[in-house]
């Protein structure tokens, strides 16, 4: 997804879908931080479901907490119960500063 530019302690992830020919499928997504060989899961098995009549899937927001330093890579991966549809996107928002839980 990208690299943090500041120390962060919370993350929100949303999966979005826009495909007029989607299939009835279940997906799960993970959000992690780390480097190419060492990753730590922030969120695991976050569900997203699509239907055959869905033109634009509603975002499914999930929230995770961890102390992540500046300069850390953020990763998202997904898996599907069948052959995945196209046109999926992911939004990750990180927050930090005063108010650490």
PDB file of N, CA and C in Angstrom:
ATOM      1  N   UNK A   1       0.824  -1.198   0.000  1.00  0.00           N
ATOM      2  CA  UNK A   1       0.000   0.000   0.000  1.00  0.00           C
ATOM      3  C   UNK A   1       0.864   1.256   0.000  1.00  0.00           C
ATOM      4  N   UNK A   2       1.902   1.265   0.830  1.00  0.00           N
ATOM      5  CA  UNK A   2       2.732   2.456   0.933  1.00  0.00           C
ATOM      6  C   UNK A   2       3.618   2.385   2.155  1.00  0.00           C
ATOM      7  N   UNK A   3       4.211   3.516   2.498  1.00  0.00           N
ATOM      8  CA  UNK A   3       5.124   3.614   3.626  1.00  0.00           C
ATOM      9  C   UNK A   3       4.667   4.739   4.545  1.00  0.00           C
ATOM     10  N   UNK A   4       4.711   4.502   5.845  1.00  0.00           N
ATOM     11  CA  UNK A   4       4.294   5.527   6.803  1.00  0.00           C
ATOM     12  C   UNK A   4       5.309   6.676   6.805  1.00  0.00           C
ATOM     13  N   UNK A   5       4.818   7.896   6.957  1.00  0.00           N
ATOM     14  CA  UNK A   5       5.696   9.066   7.023  1.00  0.00           C
ATOM     15  C   UNK A   5       5.803   9.604   8.443  1.00  0.00           C
ATOM     16  N   UNK A   6       5.025   9.048   9.346  1.00  0.00           N
ATOM     17  CA  UNK A   6       5.050   9.425  10.761  1.00  0.00           C
ATOM     18  C   UNK A   6       4.744   8.186  11.590  1.00  0.00           C
ATOM     19  N   UNK A   7       5.060   8.251  12.881  1.00  0.00           N
ATOM     20  CA  UNK A   7       4.694   7.150  13.775  1.00  0.00           C
ATOM     21  C   UNK A   7       3.176   7.123  13.916  1.00  0.00           C
ATOM     22  N   UNK A   8       2.585   5.953  13.761  1.00  0.00           N
ATOM     23  CA  UNK A   8       1.131   5.791  13.808  1.00  0.00           C
ATOM     24  C   UNK A   8       0.766   4.711  14.819  1.00  0.00           C
ATOM     25  N   UNK A   9      -0.461   4.796  15.366  1.00  0.00           N
ATOM     26  CA  UNK A   9      -0.904   3.775  16.314  1.00  0.00           C
ATOM     27  C   UNK A   9      -2.269   3.172  15.981  1.00  0.00           C
ATOM     28  N   UNK A  10      -2.909   3.673  14.945  1.00  0.00           N
ATOM     29  CA  UNK A  10      -4.208   3.107  14.565  1.00  0.00           C
ATOM     30  C   UNK A  10      -4.390   3.103  13.064  1.00  0.00           C
ATOM     31  N   UNK A  11      -5.158   2.148  12.585  1.00  0.00           N
ATOM     32  CA  UNK A  11      -5.365   2.005  11.143  1.00  0.00           C
ATOM     33  C   UNK A  11      -6.813   1.625  10.862  1.00  0.00           C
ATOM     34  N   UNK A  12      -7.346   2.167   9.766  1.00  0.00           N
ATOM     35  CA  UNK A  12      -8.655   1.787   9.258  1.00  0.00           C
ATOM     36  C   UNK A  12      -8.454   1.261   7.840  1.00  0.00           C
ATOM     37  N   UNK A  13      -9.126   0.166   7.517  1.00  0.00           N
ATOM     38  CA  UNK A  13      -9.027  -0.420   6.184  1.00  0.00           C
ATOM     39  C   UNK A  13     -10.429  -0.619   5.623  1.00  0.00           C
ATOM     40  N   UNK A  14     -10.580  -0.280   4.343  1.00  0.00           N
ATOM     41  CA  UNK A  14     -11.845  -0.482   3.653  1.00  0.00           C
ATOM     42  C   UNK A  14     -11.585  -1.160   2.319  1.00  0.00           C
ATOM     43  N   UNK A  15     -12.434  -2.121   1.986  1.00  0.00           N
ATOM     44  CA  UNK A  15     -12.384  -2.782   0.687  1.00  0.00           C
ATOM     45  C   UNK A  15     -13.590  -2.295  -0.115  1.00  0.00           C
ATOM     46  N   UNK A  16     -13.357  -1.864  -1.335  1.00  0.00           N
ATOM     47  CA  UNK A  16     -14.416  -1.358  -2.196  1.00  0.00           C
ATOM     48  C   UNK A  16     -14.446  -2.174  -3.485  1.00  0.00           C
ATOM     49  N   UNK A  17     -15.631  -2.235  -4.098  1.00  0.00           N
ATOM     50  CA  UNK A  17     -15.821  -3.085  -5.263  1.00  0.00           C
ATOM     51  C   UNK A  17     -16.739  -2.378  -6.241  1.00  0.00           C
ATOM     52  N   UNK A  18     -16.363  -2.364  -7.508  1.00  0.00           N
ATOM     53  CA  UNK A  18     -17.205  -1.777  -8.540  1.00  0.00           C
ATOM     54  C   UNK A  18     -17.114  -2.654  -9.788  1.00  0.00           C
ATOM     55  N   UNK A  19     -18.135  -3.479 -10.005  1.00  0.00           N
ATOM     56  CA  UNK A  19     -18.111  -4.412 -11.133  1.00  0.00           C
ATOM     57  C   UNK A  19     -19.546  -4.853 -11.408  1.00  0.00           C
ATOM     58  N   UNK A  20     -20.062  -4.525 -12.571  1.00  0.00           N
ATOM     59  CA  UNK A  20     -21.456  -4.867 -12.888  1.00  0.00           C
ATOM     60  C   UNK A  20     -21.651  -6.347 -13.197  1.00  0.00           C
ATOM     61  N   UNK A  21     -20.572  -7.117 -13.301  1.00  0.00           N
ATOM     62  CA  UNK A  21     -20.683  -8.544 -13.575  1.00  0.00           C
ATOM     63  C   UNK A  21     -20.047  -9.356 -12.454  1.00  0.00           C
ATOM     64  N   UNK A  22     -20.247  -8.955 -11.225  1.00  0.00           N
ATOM     65  CA  UNK A  22     -19.622  -9.647 -10.096  1.00  0.00           C
ATOM     66  C   UNK A  22     -20.289 -10.997  -9.831  1.00  0.00           C
ATOM     67  N   UNK A  23     -19.602 -11.812  -9.063  1.00  0.00           N
ATOM     68  CA  UNK A  23     -20.080 -13.143  -8.702  1.00  0.00           C
ATOM     69  C   UNK A  23     -20.409 -13.197  -7.219  1.00  0.00           C
ATOM     70  N   UNK A  24     -21.209 -14.185  -6.821  1.00  0.00           N
ATOM     71  CA  UNK A  24     -21.492 -14.407  -5.404  1.00  0.00           C
ATOM     72  C   UNK A  24     -20.271 -15.062  -4.768  1.00  0.00           C
ATOM     73  N   UNK A  25     -19.456 -14.270  -4.088  1.00  0.00           N
ATOM     74  CA  UNK A  25     -18.212 -14.773  -3.521  1.00  0.00           C
ATOM     75  C   UNK A  25     -17.950 -14.160  -2.154  1.00  0.00           C
ATOM     76  N   UNK A  26     -17.142 -14.860  -1.380  1.00  0.00           N
ATOM     77  CA  UNK A  26     -16.668 -14.333  -0.110  1.00  0.00           C
ATOM     78  C   UNK A  26     -15.172 -14.082  -0.196  1.00  0.00           C
ATOM     79  N   UNK A  27     -14.731 -12.974   0.372  1.00  0.00           N
ATOM     80  CA  UNK A  27     -13.330 -12.597   0.383  1.00  0.00           C
ATOM     81  C   UNK A  27     -12.892 -12.361   1.822  1.00  0.00           C
ATOM     82  N   UNK A  28     -11.618 -12.528   2.098  1.00  0.00           N
ATOM     83  CA  UNK A  28     -11.031 -12.096   3.364  1.00  0.00           C
ATOM     84  C   UNK A  28      -9.750 -11.334   3.044  1.00  0.00           C
ATOM     85  N   UNK A  29      -9.501 -10.276   3.817  1.00  0.00           N
ATOM     86  CA  UNK A  29      -8.347  -9.422   3.604  1.00  0.00           C
ATOM     87  C   UNK A  29      -7.568  -9.273   4.899  1.00  0.00           C
ATOM     88  N   UNK A  30      -6.241  -9.152   4.747  1.00  0.00           N
ATOM     89  CA  UNK A  30      -5.341  -8.916   5.871  1.00  0.00           C
ATOM     90  C   UNK A  30      -4.626  -7.588   5.661  1.00  0.00           C
ATOM     91  N   UNK A  31      -4.343  -6.900   6.753  1.00  0.00           N
ATOM     92  CA  UNK A  31      -3.548  -5.679   6.753  1.00  0.00           C
ATOM     93  C   UNK A  31      -2.339  -5.936   7.638  1.00  0.00           C
ATOM     94  N   UNK A  32      -1.142  -5.627   7.124  1.00  0.00           N
ATOM     95  CA  UNK A  32       0.082  -5.906   7.872  1.00  0.00           C
ATOM     96  C   UNK A  32       1.070  -4.761   7.704  1.00  0.00           C
ATOM     97  N   UNK A  33       2.079  -4.741   8.583  1.00  0.00           N
ATOM     98  CA  UNK A  33       3.190  -3.798   8.441  1.00  0.00           C
ATOM     99  C   UNK A  33       4.495  -4.561   8.618  1.00  0.00           C
ATOM    100  N   UNK A  34       5.572  -3.979   8.094  1.00  0.00           N
ATOM    101  CA  UNK A  34       6.873  -4.621   8.228  1.00  0.00           C
ATOM    102  C   UNK A  34       7.736  -4.385   7.016  1.00  0.00           C
ATOM    103  N   UNK A  35       8.572  -5.397   6.680  1.00  0.00           N
ATOM    104  CA  UNK A  35       9.434  -5.302   5.511  1.00  0.00           C
ATOM    105  C   UNK A  35       9.178  -6.513   4.618  1.00  0.00           C
ATOM    106  N   UNK A  36      10.022  -6.670   3.598  1.00  0.00           N
ATOM    107  CA  UNK A  36       9.790  -7.725   2.602  1.00  0.00           C
ATOM    108  C   UNK A  36       9.778  -9.130   3.191  1.00  0.00           C
ATOM    109  N   UNK A  37      10.505  -9.359   4.282  1.00  0.00           N
ATOM    110  CA  UNK A  37      10.566 -10.716   4.832  1.00  0.00           C
ATOM    111  C   UNK A  37       9.901 -10.866   6.202  1.00  0.00           C
ATOM    112  N   UNK A  38       9.577  -9.784   6.869  1.00  0.00           N
ATOM    113  CA  UNK A  38       8.951  -9.843   8.206  1.00  0.00           C
ATOM    114  C   UNK A  38       7.739  -8.925   8.250  1.00  0.00           C
ATOM    115  N   UNK A  39       6.570  -9.524   8.410  1.00  0.00           N
ATOM    116  CA  UNK A  39       5.329  -8.746   8.466  1.00  0.00           C
ATOM    117  C   UNK A  39       4.570  -9.085   9.746  1.00  0.00           C
ATOM    118  N   UNK A  40       3.927  -8.064  10.318  1.00  0.00           N
ATOM    119  CA  UNK A  40       3.108  -8.225  11.517  1.00  0.00           C
ATOM    120  C   UNK A  40       1.677  -7.874  11.138  1.00  0.00           C
ATOM    121  N   UNK A  41       0.736  -8.773  11.420  1.00  0.00           N
ATOM    122  CA  UNK A  41      -0.667  -8.531  11.067  1.00  0.00           C
ATOM    123  C   UNK A  41      -1.295  -7.495  11.995  1.00  0.00           C
ATOM    124  N   UNK A  42      -1.932  -6.498  11.398  1.00  0.00           N
ATOM    125  CA  UNK A  42      -2.754  -5.533  12.126  1.00  0.00           C
ATOM    126  C   UNK A  42      -4.209  -5.992  12.145  1.00  0.00           C
ATOM    127  N   UNK A  43      -4.681  -6.457  11.007  1.00  0.00           N
ATOM    128  CA  UNK A  43      -6.035  -6.975  10.850  1.00  0.00           C
ATOM    129  C   UNK A  43      -5.943  -8.289  10.090  1.00  0.00           C
ATOM    130  N   UNK A  44      -6.743  -9.273  10.492  1.00  0.00           N
ATOM    131  CA  UNK A  44      -6.676 -10.590   9.873  1.00  0.00           C
ATOM    132  C   UNK A  44      -8.068 -11.101   9.540  1.00  0.00           C
ATOM    133  N   UNK A  45      -8.216 -11.648   8.341  1.00  0.00           N
ATOM    134  CA  UNK A  45      -9.468 -12.264   7.891  1.00  0.00           C
ATOM    135  C   UNK A  45     -10.667 -11.325   7.972  1.00  0.00           C
ATOM    136  N   UNK A  46     -10.492 -10.093   7.506  1.00  0.00           N
ATOM    137  CA  UNK A  46     -11.606  -9.135   7.451  1.00  0.00           C
ATOM    138  C   UNK A  46     -12.509  -9.525   6.283  1.00  0.00           C
ATOM    139  N   UNK A  47     -13.803  -9.762   6.535  1.00  0.00           N
ATOM    140  CA  UNK A  47     -14.678 -10.288   5.482  1.00  0.00           C
ATOM    141  C   UNK A  47     -15.208  -9.217   4.541  1.00  0.00           C
ATOM    142  N   UNK A  48     -15.412  -9.617   3.295  1.00  0.00           N
ATOM    143  CA  UNK A  48     -16.114  -8.807   2.301  1.00  0.00           C
ATOM    144  C   UNK A  48     -16.881  -9.785   1.421  1.00  0.00           C
ATOM    145  N   UNK A  49     -18.143  -9.507   1.171  1.00  0.00           N
ATOM    146  CA  UNK A  49     -18.980 -10.390   0.355  1.00  0.00           C
ATOM    147  C   UNK A  49     -19.526  -9.624  -0.838  1.00  0.00           C
ATOM    148  N   UNK A  50     -19.503 -10.238  -1.999  1.00  0.00           N
ATOM    149  CA  UNK A  50     -20.083  -9.631  -3.191  1.00  0.00           C
ATOM    150  C   UNK A  50     -21.224 -10.508  -3.684  1.00  0.00           C
ATOM    151  N   UNK A  51     -22.130  -9.895  -4.425  1.00  0.00           N
ATOM    152  CA  UNK A  51     -23.246 -10.643  -5.006  1.00  0.00           C
ATOM    153  C   UNK A  51     -23.247 -10.448  -6.515  1.00  0.00           C
ATOM    154  N   UNK A  52     -24.003 -11.275  -7.224  1.00  0.00           N
ATOM    155  CA  UNK A  52     -24.049 -11.213  -8.680  1.00  0.00           C
ATOM    156  C   UNK A  52     -24.725  -9.947  -9.191  1.00  0.00           C
ATOM    157  N   UNK A  53     -25.466  -9.261  -8.356  1.00  0.00           N
ATOM    158  CA  UNK A  53     -26.182  -8.064  -8.810  1.00  0.00           C
ATOM    159  C   UNK A  53     -25.567  -6.776  -8.279  1.00  0.00           C
ATOM    160  N   UNK A  54     -24.390  -6.863  -7.708  1.00  0.00           N
ATOM    161  CA  UNK A  54     -23.792  -5.700  -7.060  1.00  0.00           C
ATOM    162  C   UNK A  54     -22.994  -4.869  -8.065  1.00  0.00           C
ATOM    163  N   UNK A  55     -23.421  -3.622  -8.276  1.00  0.00           N
ATOM    164  CA  UNK A  55     -22.679  -2.723  -9.157  1.00  0.00           C
ATOM    165  C   UNK A  55     -21.533  -2.047  -8.413  1.00  0.00           C
ATOM    166  N   UNK A  56     -21.765  -1.710  -7.172  1.00  0.00           N
ATOM    167  CA  UNK A  56     -20.727  -1.051  -6.381  1.00  0.00           C
ATOM    168  C   UNK A  56     -20.861  -1.520  -4.941  1.00  0.00           C
ATOM    169  N   UNK A  57     -19.931  -2.314  -4.497  1.00  0.00           N
ATOM    170  CA  UNK A  57     -19.975  -2.837  -3.135  1.00  0.00           C
ATOM    171  C   UNK A  57     -19.758  -1.742  -2.108  1.00  0.00           C
ATOM    172  N   UNK A  58     -20.470  -1.809  -1.019  1.00  0.00           N
ATOM    173  CA  UNK A  58     -20.281  -0.806   0.034  1.00  0.00           C
ATOM    174  C   UNK A  58     -18.988  -1.094   0.786  1.00  0.00           C
ATOM    175  N   UNK A  59     -18.300  -0.046   1.236  1.00  0.00           N
ATOM    176  CA  UNK A  59     -17.031  -0.283   1.947  1.00  0.00           C
ATOM    177  C   UNK A  59     -17.259  -0.947   3.297  1.00  0.00           C
ATOM    178  N   UNK A  60     -16.387  -1.854   3.623  1.00  0.00           N
ATOM    179  CA  UNK A  60     -16.402  -2.552   4.907  1.00  0.00           C
ATOM    180  C   UNK A  60     -15.218  -2.034   5.716  1.00  0.00           C
ATOM    181  N   UNK A  61     -15.458  -1.178   6.697  1.00  0.00           N
ATOM    182  CA  UNK A  61     -14.362  -0.599   7.480  1.00  0.00           C
ATOM    183  C   UNK A  61     -14.002  -1.494   8.651  1.00  0.00           C
ATOM    184  N   UNK A  62     -12.714  -1.711   8.831  1.00  0.00           N
ATOM    185  CA  UNK A  62     -12.171  -2.462   9.957  1.00  0.00           C
ATOM    186  C   UNK A  62     -11.114  -1.592  10.618  1.00  0.00           C
ATOM    187  N   UNK A  63     -10.931  -1.712  11.934  1.00  0.00           N
ATOM    188  CA  UNK A  63      -9.973  -0.885  12.671  1.00  0.00           C
ATOM    189  C   UNK A  63      -9.002  -1.777  13.435  1.00  0.00           C
ATOM    190  N   UNK A  64      -7.705  -1.436  13.371  1.00  0.00           N
ATOM    191  CA  UNK A  64      -6.673  -2.170  14.091  1.00  0.00           C
ATOM    192  C   UNK A  64      -5.722  -1.204  14.782  1.00  0.00           C
ATOM    193  N   UNK A  65      -5.090  -1.646  15.864  1.00  0.00           N
ATOM    194  CA  UNK A  65      -4.189  -0.794  16.645  1.00  0.00           C
ATOM    195  C   UNK A  65      -2.838  -1.470  16.805  1.00  0.00           C
ATOM    196  N   UNK A  66      -1.765  -0.705  16.607  1.00  0.00           N
ATOM    197  CA  UNK A  66      -0.394  -1.159  16.839  1.00  0.00           C
ATOM    198  C   UNK A  66       0.517   0.054  16.729  1.00  0.00           C
ATOM    199  N   UNK A  67       1.610   0.063  17.460  1.00  0.00           N
ATOM    200  CA  UNK A  67       2.607   1.128  17.345  1.00  0.00           C
ATOM    201  C   UNK A  67       3.477   0.841  16.133  1.00  0.00           C
ATOM    202  N   UNK A  68       3.323   1.651  15.095  1.00  0.00           N
ATOM    203  CA  UNK A  68       4.048   1.464  13.840  1.00  0.00           C
ATOM    204  C   UNK A  68       4.925   2.695  13.618  1.00  0.00           C
ATOM    205  N   UNK A  69       6.248   2.532  13.576  1.00  0.00           N
ATOM    206  CA  UNK A  69       7.133   3.688  13.406  1.00  0.00           C
ATOM    207  C   UNK A  69       7.096   4.268  11.998  1.00  0.00           C
ATOM    208  N   UNK A  70       7.562   5.494  11.871  1.00  0.00           N
ATOM    209  CA  UNK A  70       7.694   6.131  10.557  1.00  0.00           C
ATOM    210  C   UNK A  70       8.638   5.312   9.688  1.00  0.00           C
ATOM    211  N   UNK A  71       8.381   5.296   8.388  1.00  0.00           N
ATOM    212  CA  UNK A  71       9.229   4.578   7.455  1.00  0.00           C
ATOM    213  C   UNK A  71       8.922   3.097   7.335  1.00  0.00           C
ATOM    214  N   UNK A  72       7.783   2.668   7.856  1.00  0.00           N
ATOM    215  CA  UNK A  72       7.397   1.257   7.824  1.00  0.00           C
ATOM    216  C   UNK A  72       6.460   0.992   6.644  1.00  0.00           C
ATOM    217  N   UNK A  73       6.668  -0.116   5.940  1.00  0.00           N
ATOM    218  CA  UNK A  73       5.804  -0.494   4.818  1.00  0.00           C
ATOM    219  C   UNK A  73       4.478  -1.057   5.325  1.00  0.00           C
ATOM    220  N   UNK A  74       3.398  -0.733   4.610  1.00  0.00           N
ATOM    221  CA  UNK A  74       2.054  -1.237   4.902  1.00  0.00           C
ATOM    222  C   UNK A  74       1.639  -2.141   3.747  1.00  0.00           C
ATOM    223  N   UNK A  75       1.099  -3.325   4.067  1.00  0.00           N
ATOM    224  CA  UNK A  75       0.728  -4.334   3.073  1.00  0.00           C
ATOM    225  C   UNK A  75      -0.734  -4.752   3.252  1.00  0.00           C
ATOM    226  N   UNK A  76      -1.384  -5.079   2.134  1.00  0.00           N
ATOM    227  CA  UNK A  76      -2.728  -5.660   2.144  1.00  0.00           C
ATOM    228  C   UNK A  76      -2.693  -6.889   1.239  1.00  0.00           C
ATOM    229  N   UNK A  77      -3.341  -7.969   1.683  1.00  0.00           N
ATOM    230  CA  UNK A  77      -3.485  -9.158   0.842  1.00  0.00           C
ATOM    231  C   UNK A  77      -4.904  -9.672   0.993  1.00  0.00           C
ATOM    232  N   UNK A  78      -5.359 -10.392  -0.015  1.00  0.00           N
ATOM    233  CA  UNK A  78      -6.709 -10.923   0.028  1.00  0.00           C
ATOM    234  C   UNK A  78      -6.782 -12.324  -0.538  1.00  0.00           C
ATOM    235  N   UNK A  79      -7.835 -13.036  -0.163  1.00  0.00           N
ATOM    236  CA  UNK A  79      -8.109 -14.347  -0.747  1.00  0.00           C
ATOM    237  C   UNK A  79      -9.608 -14.455  -0.986  1.00  0.00           C
ATOM    238  N   UNK A  80      -9.976 -15.416  -1.810  1.00  0.00           N
ATOM    239  CA  UNK A  80     -11.349 -15.502  -2.291  1.00  0.00           C
ATOM    240  C   UNK A  80     -11.835 -16.944  -2.250  1.00  0.00           C
ATOM    241  N   UNK A  81     -13.144 -17.128  -2.134  1.00  0.00           N
ATOM    242  CA  UNK A  81     -13.737 -18.461  -2.084  1.00  0.00           C
ATOM    243  C   UNK A  81     -13.855 -19.105  -3.464  1.00  0.00           C
ATOM    244  N   UNK A  82     -13.509 -18.379  -4.506  1.00  0.00           N
ATOM    245  CA  UNK A  82     -13.571 -18.899  -5.872  1.00  0.00           C
ATOM    246  C   UNK A  82     -12.612 -18.120  -6.743  1.00  0.00           C
ATOM    247  N   UNK A  83     -12.969 -17.928  -8.012  1.00  0.00           N
ATOM    248  CA  UNK A  83     -12.164 -17.101  -8.900  1.00  0.00           C
ATOM    249  C   UNK A  83     -12.512 -15.643  -8.641  1.00  0.00           C
ATOM    250  N   UNK A  84     -11.550 -14.828  -8.211  1.00  0.00           N
ATOM    251  CA  UNK A  84     -11.882 -13.458  -7.810  1.00  0.00           C
ATOM    252  C   UNK A  84     -12.322 -12.588  -8.983  1.00  0.00           C
ATOM    253  N   UNK A  85     -13.243 -11.681  -8.694  1.00  0.00           N
ATOM    254  CA  UNK A  85     -13.648 -10.662  -9.659  1.00  0.00           C
ATOM    255  C   UNK A  85     -12.572  -9.588  -9.732  1.00  0.00           C
ATOM    256  N   UNK A  86     -12.675  -8.750 -10.739  1.00  0.00           N
ATOM    257  CA  UNK A  86     -11.754  -7.626 -10.866  1.00  0.00           C
ATOM    258  C   UNK A  86     -12.389  -6.384 -10.234  1.00  0.00           C
ATOM    259  N   UNK A  87     -11.698  -5.295 -10.316  1.00  0.00           N
ATOM    260  CA  UNK A  87     -12.177  -3.985  -9.872  1.00  0.00           C
ATOM    261  C   UNK A  87     -12.356  -3.865  -8.360  1.00  0.00           C
ATOM    262  N   UNK A  88     -11.444  -4.437  -7.598  1.00  0.00           N
ATOM    263  CA  UNK A  88     -11.423  -4.232  -6.156  1.00  0.00           C
ATOM    264  C   UNK A  88     -10.362  -3.205  -5.824  1.00  0.00           C
ATOM    265  N   UNK A  89     -10.620  -2.399  -4.814  1.00  0.00           N
ATOM    266  CA  UNK A  89      -9.629  -1.446  -4.343  1.00  0.00           C
ATOM    267  C   UNK A  89      -9.662  -1.434  -2.821  1.00  0.00           C
ATOM    268  N   UNK A  90      -8.601  -0.928  -2.253  1.00  0.00           N
ATOM    269  CA  UNK A  90      -8.471  -0.891  -0.807  1.00  0.00           C
ATOM    270  C   UNK A  90      -8.020   0.499  -0.389  1.00  0.00           C
ATOM    271  N   UNK A  91      -8.590   0.987   0.693  1.00  0.00           N
ATOM    272  CA  UNK A  91      -8.171   2.252   1.290  1.00  0.00           C
ATOM    273  C   UNK A  91      -7.683   1.964   2.697  1.00  0.00           C
ATOM    274  N   UNK A  92      -6.504   2.459   3.042  1.00  0.00           N
ATOM    275  CA  UNK A  92      -5.970   2.332   4.395  1.00  0.00           C
ATOM    276  C   UNK A  92      -5.687   3.734   4.917  1.00  0.00           C
ATOM    277  N   UNK A  93      -6.212   4.035   6.084  1.00  0.00           N
ATOM    278  CA  UNK A  93      -5.982   5.322   6.742  1.00  0.00           C
ATOM    279  C   UNK A  93      -5.262   5.045   8.051  1.00  0.00           C
ATOM    280  N   UNK A  94      -4.129   5.709   8.278  1.00  0.00           N
ATOM    281  CA  UNK A  94      -3.387   5.587   9.515  1.00  0.00           C
ATOM    282  C   UNK A  94      -3.535   6.847  10.343  1.00  0.00           C
ATOM    283  N   UNK A  95      -3.566   6.696  11.661  1.00  0.00           N
ATOM    284  CA  UNK A  95      -3.639   7.873  12.532  1.00  0.00           C
ATOM    285  C   UNK A  95      -2.711   7.693  13.718  1.00  0.00           C
ATOM    286  N   UNK A  96      -2.261   8.803  14.260  1.00  0.00           N
ATOM    287  CA  UNK A  96      -1.308   8.788  15.359  1.00  0.00           C
ATOM    288  C   UNK A  96      -1.371  10.092  16.130  1.00  0.00           C
ATOM    289  N   UNK A  97      -0.318  10.383  16.873  1.00  0.00           N
ATOM    290  CA  UNK A  97      -0.267  11.615  17.651  1.00  0.00           C
ATOM    291  C   UNK A  97      -0.815  11.420  19.047  1.00  0.00           C
ATOM    292  N   UNK A  98      -1.313  12.513  19.603  1.00  0.00           N
ATOM    293  CA  UNK A  98      -1.853  12.504  20.973  1.00  0.00           C
ATOM    294  C   UNK A  98      -3.134  11.678  21.024  1.00  0.00           C
ATOM    295  N   UNK A  99      -3.331  10.955  22.078  1.00  0.00           N
ATOM    296  CA  UNK A  99      -4.550  10.179  22.234  1.00  0.00           C
ATOM    297  C   UNK A  99      -4.361   8.705  22.013  1.00  0.00           C
ATOM    298  N   UNK A 100      -3.120   8.251  22.109  1.00  0.00           N
ATOM    299  CA  UNK A 100      -2.843   6.816  21.951  1.00  0.00           C
ATOM    300  C   UNK A 100      -3.667   6.020  22.947  1.00  0.00           C
ATOM    301  N   UNK A 101      -4.322   4.933  22.474  1.00  0.00           N
ATOM    302  CA  UNK A 101      -5.175   4.151  23.381  1.00  0.00           C
ATOM    303  C   UNK A 101      -4.384   3.419  24.450  1.00  0.00           C
TER     304      UNK A 101
END
